[in-house]
N, C-alpha and C. Protein backbone atom coordinates (compact mmCIF):
# COMPACT_ATOMS: atom_id res chain seq x y z
N UNK A 1 8.77 5.72 36.04
CA UNK A 1 9.15 4.48 35.35
C UNK A 1 7.94 4.09 34.39
N UNK A 2 6.57 4.23 34.86
CA UNK A 2 5.54 3.86 34.06
C UNK A 2 5.48 5.02 32.85
N UNK A 3 5.65 6.14 33.33
CA UNK A 3 5.61 7.01 32.12
C UNK A 3 6.77 6.89 30.94
N UNK A 4 7.97 6.65 31.45
CA UNK A 4 8.72 5.97 30.63
C UNK A 4 8.48 4.86 29.61
N UNK A 5 8.11 3.89 30.46
CA UNK A 5 7.62 2.71 29.59
C UNK A 5 6.42 2.92 28.58
N UNK A 6 5.55 3.85 28.95
CA UNK A 6 4.39 4.41 28.08
C UNK A 6 4.94 5.25 26.75
N UNK A 7 6.17 6.02 27.28
CA UNK A 7 6.60 6.73 26.12
C UNK A 7 7.24 5.91 24.85
N UNK A 8 7.99 4.86 25.67
CA UNK A 8 8.61 3.75 24.85
C UNK A 8 7.59 3.00 23.93
N UNK A 9 6.71 2.36 24.58
CA UNK A 9 5.72 2.03 24.00
C UNK A 9 5.01 2.67 22.66
N UNK A 10 4.79 3.79 22.87
CA UNK A 10 4.19 4.81 21.70
C UNK A 10 5.21 4.99 20.87
N UNK A 11 6.47 4.96 20.98
CA UNK A 11 7.45 5.34 20.00
C UNK A 11 7.54 3.98 19.15
N UNK A 12 7.59 2.89 19.67
CA UNK A 12 7.53 1.64 19.35
C UNK A 12 6.53 1.40 18.22
N UNK A 13 5.27 1.74 18.90
CA UNK A 13 4.01 1.55 17.81
C UNK A 13 3.98 2.48 16.74
N UNK A 14 4.62 3.54 16.99
CA UNK A 14 4.83 4.85 15.94
C UNK A 14 5.79 4.23 14.82
N UNK A 15 6.80 3.57 15.33
CA UNK A 15 7.71 3.16 14.31
C UNK A 15 7.17 1.86 13.50
N UNK A 16 6.38 1.05 14.33
CA UNK A 16 5.73 -0.15 13.60
C UNK A 16 4.77 0.18 12.55
N UNK A 17 4.03 1.33 12.90
CA UNK A 17 2.90 1.67 11.92
C UNK A 17 3.69 2.67 10.74
N UNK A 18 4.67 3.17 10.75
CA UNK A 18 5.46 3.77 9.99
C UNK A 18 5.84 2.78 8.70
N UNK A 19 6.28 1.49 9.18
CA UNK A 19 6.97 0.82 8.64
C UNK A 19 5.84 0.08 7.63
N UNK A 20 4.62 0.23 7.92
CA UNK A 20 3.69 -0.67 7.08
C UNK A 20 3.87 -0.15 5.77
N UNK A 21 3.60 1.14 5.40
CA UNK A 21 3.87 1.71 3.95
C UNK A 21 4.89 2.27 3.73
N UNK A 22 5.44 1.88 2.59
CA UNK A 22 7.05 2.53 2.23
C UNK A 22 6.53 3.84 1.67
N UNK A 23 7.47 4.77 2.15
CA UNK A 23 7.40 5.93 1.56
C UNK A 23 8.21 6.35 0.21
N UNK A 24 8.93 5.31 -0.18
CA UNK A 24 9.79 5.35 -1.33
C UNK A 24 9.48 3.82 -2.29
N UNK A 25 9.41 3.84 -3.27
CA UNK A 25 9.20 2.90 -4.06
C UNK A 25 10.75 2.09 -4.18
N UNK A 26 11.94 2.45 -4.16
CA UNK A 26 13.13 1.79 -4.12
C UNK A 26 13.20 1.15 -2.71
N UNK A 27 12.78 1.81 -1.53
CA UNK A 27 13.17 1.15 -0.60
C UNK A 27 12.13 -0.13 -0.51
N UNK A 28 10.88 0.10 -1.07
CA UNK A 28 9.95 -0.93 -1.13
C UNK A 28 10.65 -2.11 -1.72
N UNK A 29 11.06 -1.90 -2.74
CA UNK A 29 11.75 -3.04 -3.47
C UNK A 29 12.88 -3.88 -2.89
N UNK A 30 13.91 -2.84 -2.44
CA UNK A 30 14.68 -3.43 -1.46
C UNK A 30 14.24 -4.25 -0.27
N UNK A 31 13.39 -3.78 0.49
CA UNK A 31 12.53 -4.37 1.63
C UNK A 31 12.28 -5.87 1.13
N UNK A 32 11.63 -5.76 -0.02
CA UNK A 32 10.99 -7.14 -0.60
C UNK A 32 11.93 -7.88 -0.87
N UNK A 33 13.00 -7.68 -1.48
CA UNK A 33 13.88 -8.59 -1.77
C UNK A 33 14.93 -9.02 -0.29
N UNK A 34 14.98 -8.23 0.63
CA UNK A 34 15.53 -8.49 1.67
C UNK A 34 14.38 -9.56 2.38
N UNK A 35 13.24 -9.24 2.62
CA UNK A 35 12.67 -10.09 3.46
C UNK A 35 11.62 -11.00 2.59
N UNK A 36 12.08 -11.10 1.17
CA UNK A 36 11.42 -11.87 0.23
C UNK A 36 9.97 -12.00 0.41
N UNK A 37 9.34 -11.15 0.23
CA UNK A 37 7.87 -10.69 0.14
C UNK A 37 7.36 -10.19 -1.10
N UNK A 38 6.23 -10.33 -1.64
CA UNK A 38 5.51 -9.67 -2.50
C UNK A 38 5.46 -8.32 -2.44
N UNK A 39 5.02 -7.27 -3.17
CA UNK A 39 4.88 -5.97 -3.16
C UNK A 39 3.29 -5.85 -3.41
N UNK A 40 2.57 -4.96 -2.67
CA UNK A 40 1.09 -4.70 -2.94
C UNK A 40 1.42 -3.15 -3.32
N UNK A 41 1.19 -2.93 -4.62
CA UNK A 41 1.15 -1.59 -4.96
C UNK A 41 -0.21 -1.00 -5.33
N UNK A 42 -0.40 0.23 -4.64
CA UNK A 42 -2.00 0.59 -4.67
C UNK A 42 -1.89 2.04 -5.34
N UNK A 43 -2.64 2.02 -6.73
CA UNK A 43 -2.84 3.16 -7.16
C UNK A 43 -4.23 3.69 -6.68
N UNK A 44 -4.10 5.06 -6.32
CA UNK A 44 -5.15 5.60 -5.51
C UNK A 44 -5.31 7.14 -6.02
N UNK A 45 -6.48 7.79 -5.71
CA UNK A 45 -6.59 9.01 -5.91
C UNK A 45 -7.24 9.29 -4.48
N UNK A 46 -6.24 9.70 -3.64
CA UNK A 46 -6.95 9.83 -2.10
C UNK A 46 -7.90 10.69 -1.65
N UNK A 47 -7.78 11.83 -2.73
CA UNK A 47 -8.89 13.04 -2.19
C UNK A 47 -9.83 13.45 -3.15
N UNK A 48 -10.12 12.22 -4.37
CA UNK A 48 -10.87 12.56 -5.14
C UNK A 48 -11.83 11.15 -5.78
N UNK A 49 -11.19 9.98 -5.49
CA UNK A 49 -11.57 8.90 -6.07
C UNK A 49 -12.28 8.11 -4.97
N UNK A 50 -13.80 8.22 -5.10
CA UNK A 50 -14.67 7.51 -3.83
C UNK A 50 -14.30 5.87 -3.61
N UNK A 51 -14.23 5.21 -4.75
CA UNK A 51 -13.83 3.84 -4.42
C UNK A 51 -12.59 3.67 -3.88
N UNK A 52 -11.68 4.38 -4.21
CA UNK A 52 -10.28 4.45 -3.67
C UNK A 52 -10.40 4.67 -1.96
N UNK A 53 -11.18 5.89 -1.83
CA UNK A 53 -11.12 6.13 -0.30
C UNK A 53 -11.92 5.05 0.44
N UNK A 54 -13.11 4.17 -0.26
CA UNK A 54 -13.76 3.17 0.56
C UNK A 54 -12.76 2.17 0.70
N UNK A 55 -11.76 1.81 -0.43
CA UNK A 55 -10.89 0.74 -0.30
C UNK A 55 -10.05 0.84 0.94
N UNK A 56 -9.37 2.10 1.08
CA UNK A 56 -8.63 2.61 2.13
C UNK A 56 -9.44 2.23 3.42
N UNK A 57 -10.69 2.90 3.57
CA UNK A 57 -11.38 2.89 4.96
C UNK A 57 -11.83 1.49 5.19
N UNK A 58 -12.34 0.67 4.23
CA UNK A 58 -12.92 -0.52 4.66
C UNK A 58 -11.70 -1.89 4.60
N UNK A 59 -10.77 -1.71 3.69
CA UNK A 59 -9.99 -2.81 3.66
C UNK A 59 -8.61 -2.32 4.11
N UNK A 60 -7.84 -1.45 3.58
CA UNK A 60 -6.42 -1.34 3.73
C UNK A 60 -6.24 -0.72 5.32
N UNK A 61 -7.04 0.02 5.86
CA UNK A 61 -6.97 0.55 7.19
C UNK A 61 -7.61 -0.47 8.28
N UNK A 62 -8.01 -1.53 8.07
CA UNK A 62 -8.79 -2.41 8.92
C UNK A 62 -7.65 -3.21 9.48
N UNK A 63 -7.75 -3.41 10.87
CA UNK A 63 -7.04 -4.12 11.90
C UNK A 63 -6.37 -5.35 11.00
N UNK A 64 -7.56 -6.07 10.47
CA UNK A 64 -7.19 -7.38 9.84
C UNK A 64 -6.13 -7.39 8.76
N UNK A 65 -6.48 -6.26 7.83
CA UNK A 65 -5.50 -6.27 6.93
C UNK A 65 -4.08 -5.78 7.53
N UNK A 66 -4.04 -4.58 7.90
CA UNK A 66 -2.88 -4.23 8.51
C UNK A 66 -1.85 -5.17 9.37
N UNK A 67 -2.49 -6.32 10.25
CA UNK A 67 -1.60 -7.00 10.77
C UNK A 67 -1.16 -8.15 9.85
N UNK A 68 -2.06 -8.65 8.92
CA UNK A 68 -1.58 -9.51 8.07
C UNK A 68 -0.68 -8.97 7.05
N UNK A 69 -0.81 -7.89 6.37
CA UNK A 69 0.15 -7.32 5.63
C UNK A 69 1.48 -7.06 6.07
N UNK A 70 1.63 -6.68 7.28
CA UNK A 70 2.63 -6.26 7.75
C UNK A 70 3.80 -7.35 7.84
N UNK A 71 3.36 -8.68 7.94
CA UNK A 71 4.32 -9.87 8.12
C UNK A 71 4.21 -10.46 6.62
N UNK A 72 3.25 -10.26 5.63
CA UNK A 72 3.39 -11.00 4.37
C UNK A 72 3.75 -10.11 3.28
N UNK A 73 3.42 -8.77 3.45
CA UNK A 73 3.60 -7.95 2.11
C UNK A 73 4.35 -6.86 2.45
N UNK A 74 4.87 -5.96 1.31
CA UNK A 74 5.53 -4.77 1.44
C UNK A 74 4.61 -4.02 0.66
N UNK A 75 4.11 -2.78 1.34
CA UNK A 75 3.28 -2.08 0.70
C UNK A 75 3.73 -0.79 0.35
N UNK A 76 2.97 -0.31 -1.09
CA UNK A 76 3.47 1.10 -1.33
C UNK A 76 2.07 1.63 -2.15
N UNK A 77 2.00 2.85 -1.70
CA UNK A 77 0.70 3.65 -2.33
C UNK A 77 1.33 4.73 -3.45
N UNK A 78 0.77 4.41 -4.48
CA UNK A 78 1.35 5.23 -5.71
C UNK A 78 -0.06 6.26 -5.70
N UNK A 79 -0.10 7.38 -4.90
CA UNK A 79 -1.05 8.18 -4.85
C UNK A 79 -1.23 9.33 -5.89
N UNK A 80 -2.35 9.76 -6.30
CA UNK A 80 -2.33 10.88 -7.35
C UNK A 80 -3.52 11.91 -6.75
N UNK A 81 -3.27 12.44 -5.96
CA UNK A 81 -4.06 13.34 -5.34
C UNK A 81 -4.26 14.62 -6.31
N UNK A 82 -5.87 15.22 -6.24
CA UNK A 82 -5.81 16.31 -7.11
C UNK A 82 -5.93 17.84 -6.53
N UNK A 83 -6.24 17.63 -5.15
CA UNK A 83 -6.22 19.09 -4.42
C UNK A 83 -4.87 19.60 -4.27
N UNK A 84 -4.90 20.86 -4.28
CA UNK A 84 -3.66 21.56 -4.28
C UNK A 84 -2.89 21.52 -2.80
N UNK A 85 -3.69 21.10 -1.57
CA UNK A 85 -3.29 21.24 -0.33
C UNK A 85 -2.74 19.59 -0.18
N UNK A 86 -2.97 18.69 -1.03
CA UNK A 86 -2.70 17.27 -0.97
C UNK A 86 -1.20 16.96 -1.79
N UNK A 87 -1.15 17.95 -2.78
CA UNK A 87 0.13 17.45 -3.52
C UNK A 87 1.14 16.96 -2.99
N UNK A 88 1.81 15.82 -3.71
CA UNK A 88 2.92 15.20 -3.22
C UNK A 88 4.14 15.94 -3.83
N UNK A 89 5.41 15.47 -3.34
CA UNK A 89 6.66 16.24 -3.43
C UNK A 89 6.88 15.78 -4.88
N UNK A 90 7.75 16.77 -5.65
CA UNK A 90 7.61 16.37 -7.15
C UNK A 90 8.45 15.07 -7.35
N UNK A 91 9.55 14.84 -6.53
CA UNK A 91 10.10 13.56 -6.95
C UNK A 91 9.19 12.15 -6.59
N UNK A 92 8.43 12.32 -5.81
CA UNK A 92 7.34 11.26 -5.35
C UNK A 92 6.38 11.06 -6.44
N UNK A 93 6.01 12.41 -7.08
CA UNK A 93 5.08 12.24 -8.09
C UNK A 93 5.61 11.74 -9.24
N UNK A 94 6.67 12.14 -9.68
CA UNK A 94 7.52 11.57 -10.62
C UNK A 94 7.43 9.95 -10.71
N UNK A 95 7.81 9.43 -9.57
CA UNK A 95 8.10 8.01 -9.38
C UNK A 95 6.70 7.33 -9.57
N UNK A 96 5.74 8.15 -8.95
CA UNK A 96 4.14 7.34 -9.13
C UNK A 96 3.75 7.39 -10.64
N UNK A 97 4.19 8.52 -11.31
CA UNK A 97 3.75 8.53 -12.87
C UNK A 97 4.30 7.45 -13.67
N UNK A 98 5.74 7.19 -13.14
CA UNK A 98 6.51 6.22 -13.82
C UNK A 98 5.90 4.84 -13.44
N UNK A 99 5.48 4.64 -12.37
CA UNK A 99 5.11 3.49 -12.05
C UNK A 99 3.67 3.25 -12.78
N UNK A 100 2.79 4.28 -12.75
CA UNK A 100 1.79 4.31 -13.53
C UNK A 100 1.57 3.91 -14.94
N UNK A 101 2.77 4.32 -15.57
CA UNK A 101 3.16 4.21 -16.82
C UNK A 101 3.34 2.59 -17.29
N UNK A 102 4.23 2.10 -16.34
CA UNK A 102 4.40 0.58 -16.39
C UNK A 102 3.32 -0.28 -15.87
N UNK A 103 2.85 0.01 -14.87
CA UNK A 103 1.72 -0.91 -14.42
C UNK A 103 0.36 -0.38 -14.46
N UNK A 104 0.06 0.64 -14.57
CA UNK A 104 -1.55 1.26 -14.73
C UNK A 104 -1.52 2.25 -16.00
N UNK A 105 -1.16 1.56 -17.38
CA UNK A 105 -1.31 2.69 -18.20
C UNK A 105 -2.70 2.76 -18.89
N UNK A 106 -3.84 2.35 -18.27
CA UNK A 106 -5.10 2.69 -18.51
C UNK A 106 -5.79 3.48 -17.68
N UNK A 107 -5.05 3.95 -16.43
CA UNK A 107 -5.37 4.63 -15.56
C UNK A 107 -6.55 4.33 -14.62
N UNK A 108 -6.84 2.92 -14.34
CA UNK A 108 -7.42 2.63 -13.31
C UNK A 108 -7.45 3.01 -11.75
N UNK A 109 -8.59 3.53 -11.21
CA UNK A 109 -8.43 3.86 -9.83
C UNK A 109 -9.67 3.31 -9.16
N UNK A 110 -9.47 2.67 -8.19
CA UNK A 110 -8.14 2.12 -7.23
C UNK A 110 -7.67 0.72 -8.38
N UNK A 111 -6.56 0.80 -8.23
CA UNK A 111 -5.99 -0.60 -8.93
C UNK A 111 -4.88 -0.89 -7.87
N UNK A 112 -4.91 -2.31 -7.76
CA UNK A 112 -3.98 -2.92 -6.84
C UNK A 112 -3.11 -3.81 -7.44
N UNK A 113 -1.86 -3.69 -7.45
CA UNK A 113 -0.99 -4.81 -8.35
C UNK A 113 -0.32 -5.41 -7.24
N UNK A 114 0.02 -6.63 -7.48
CA UNK A 114 0.74 -7.65 -6.65
C UNK A 114 2.15 -7.97 -7.55
N UNK A 115 3.20 -7.35 -7.21
CA UNK A 115 4.38 -7.55 -7.74
C UNK A 115 5.38 -8.78 -6.75
N UNK A 116 6.14 -9.63 -7.48
CA UNK A 116 7.16 -10.35 -6.82
C UNK A 116 8.38 -9.23 -6.50
N UNK A 117 9.10 -9.86 -5.92
CA UNK A 117 10.21 -9.04 -5.36
C UNK A 117 11.27 -8.58 -6.65
N UNK A 118 10.98 -9.16 -7.83
CA UNK A 118 11.75 -8.81 -9.02
C UNK A 118 10.92 -7.78 -9.77
N UNK A 119 9.82 -7.15 -9.30
CA UNK A 119 8.79 -6.41 -9.95
C UNK A 119 8.04 -6.71 -11.17
N UNK A 120 8.01 -8.22 -11.11
CA UNK A 120 7.06 -8.74 -12.12
C UNK A 120 5.74 -9.03 -11.51
N UNK A 121 4.87 -8.80 -12.59
CA UNK A 121 3.34 -8.38 -12.11
C UNK A 121 2.68 -9.98 -11.80
N UNK A 122 2.22 -10.18 -10.50
CA UNK A 122 1.47 -11.48 -10.41
C UNK A 122 0.19 -11.45 -10.37
N UNK A 123 -0.42 -10.08 -10.48
CA UNK A 123 -1.90 -9.92 -10.50
C UNK A 123 -2.26 -8.95 -10.19
N UNK A 124 -3.70 -8.41 -10.68
CA UNK A 124 -4.24 -7.04 -10.65
C UNK A 124 -5.63 -7.16 -9.97
N UNK A 125 -6.27 -6.11 -9.44
CA UNK A 125 -7.34 -6.01 -8.94
C UNK A 125 -7.91 -4.73 -8.68
N UNK A 126 -9.06 -4.48 -8.41
CA UNK A 126 -9.65 -3.35 -7.96
C UNK A 126 -10.04 -3.28 -6.54
N UNK A 127 -11.50 -3.00 -6.63
CA UNK A 127 -12.27 -2.82 -5.08
C UNK A 127 -13.51 -3.25 -5.67
N UNK A 128 -14.30 -4.03 -4.63
CA UNK A 128 -15.68 -4.59 -4.91
C UNK A 128 -16.19 -4.16 -3.42
N UNK A 129 -17.25 -3.32 -3.35
CA UNK A 129 -17.86 -2.77 -2.13
C UNK A 129 -18.32 -3.80 -1.26
N UNK A 130 -18.46 -5.13 -1.78
CA UNK A 130 -18.86 -6.22 -1.02
C UNK A 130 -17.58 -6.97 -0.03
N UNK A 131 -16.48 -6.62 -0.59
CA UNK A 131 -15.34 -7.46 -0.11
C UNK A 131 -14.95 -6.92 1.31
N UNK A 132 -14.74 -7.88 2.09
CA UNK A 132 -14.13 -7.99 3.51
C UNK A 132 -12.56 -7.92 3.30
N UNK A 133 -12.07 -7.69 4.62
CA UNK A 133 -10.35 -7.58 4.43
C UNK A 133 -10.35 -9.31 4.50
N UNK A 134 -10.55 -9.98 4.92
CA UNK A 134 -10.51 -11.39 4.83
C UNK A 134 -10.38 -11.94 3.37
N UNK A 135 -11.56 -11.76 2.79
CA UNK A 135 -11.79 -11.88 1.26
C UNK A 135 -10.58 -11.07 0.44
N UNK A 136 -10.42 -9.82 0.66
CA UNK A 136 -9.38 -9.32 -0.09
C UNK A 136 -8.13 -9.67 -0.09
N UNK A 137 -7.54 -10.08 1.17
CA UNK A 137 -6.29 -10.75 1.44
C UNK A 137 -6.56 -12.12 0.77
N UNK A 138 -7.39 -12.83 0.74
CA UNK A 138 -7.28 -14.12 -0.09
C UNK A 138 -7.15 -13.78 -1.65
N UNK A 139 -8.00 -12.73 -1.98
CA UNK A 139 -7.59 -12.37 -3.57
C UNK A 139 -6.07 -12.15 -3.75
N UNK A 140 -5.27 -11.35 -2.82
CA UNK A 140 -4.01 -11.01 -3.11
C UNK A 140 -2.95 -12.10 -3.00
N UNK A 141 -3.50 -13.22 -1.98
CA UNK A 141 -2.88 -14.42 -1.67
C UNK A 141 -2.79 -15.19 -2.86
N UNK A 142 -3.92 -15.30 -3.74
CA UNK A 142 -4.24 -16.12 -4.89
C UNK A 142 -3.32 -15.70 -6.03
N UNK A 143 -2.77 -14.46 -6.10
CA UNK A 143 -1.83 -14.08 -7.06
C UNK A 143 -0.67 -14.45 -6.63
N UNK A 144 -0.19 -14.77 -5.47
CA UNK A 144 1.27 -15.06 -4.79
C UNK A 144 1.46 -16.49 -5.19
N UNK A 145 0.39 -17.29 -5.06
CA UNK A 145 0.58 -18.64 -5.07
C UNK A 145 1.26 -18.92 -6.52
C-alpha cells in the first residue's frame, strides 16, 4: 500500500509540474481565458543566452516563483535554442517566431512579456542579476494591476 501511495504521489507531482509551463501557446491562451489569469511569455535562448540561463536558474526555477506562478499566471516559454541537439519541432519553432514578430520584434533576450487573457501587452521586462524571485514577482504583478 505504501508503494502504491508513493507512486500515486509521484505521478501527481509530475502532472502538477508539467502544468506549470504550457507546451503550446494556444493552450496557454485557452487556459488564461478559462482561469482568468495573465500569461507570462518568456523569450529565451536556453542554450546560448547567459542572462536567459541565469533568469531560469535564479528566478523561474525557484520554489518561490514556481509556487506563486502556478496559482497566478499561465506560463509559456518561447525558446530559441541554437544548438542542433536542442532544436524544437518545426511547428513550435514557427509559433515562437510568430510570437517574436508580434511581441519581441527587436529580438531582446531574455524578454518577459506579461499579456492579459486577450493577448494584449500589460508590460515587458528583462532580467536584472540582483533580482530575487520575490522582487521579480512584484515587477510582474505591477503590470497586472
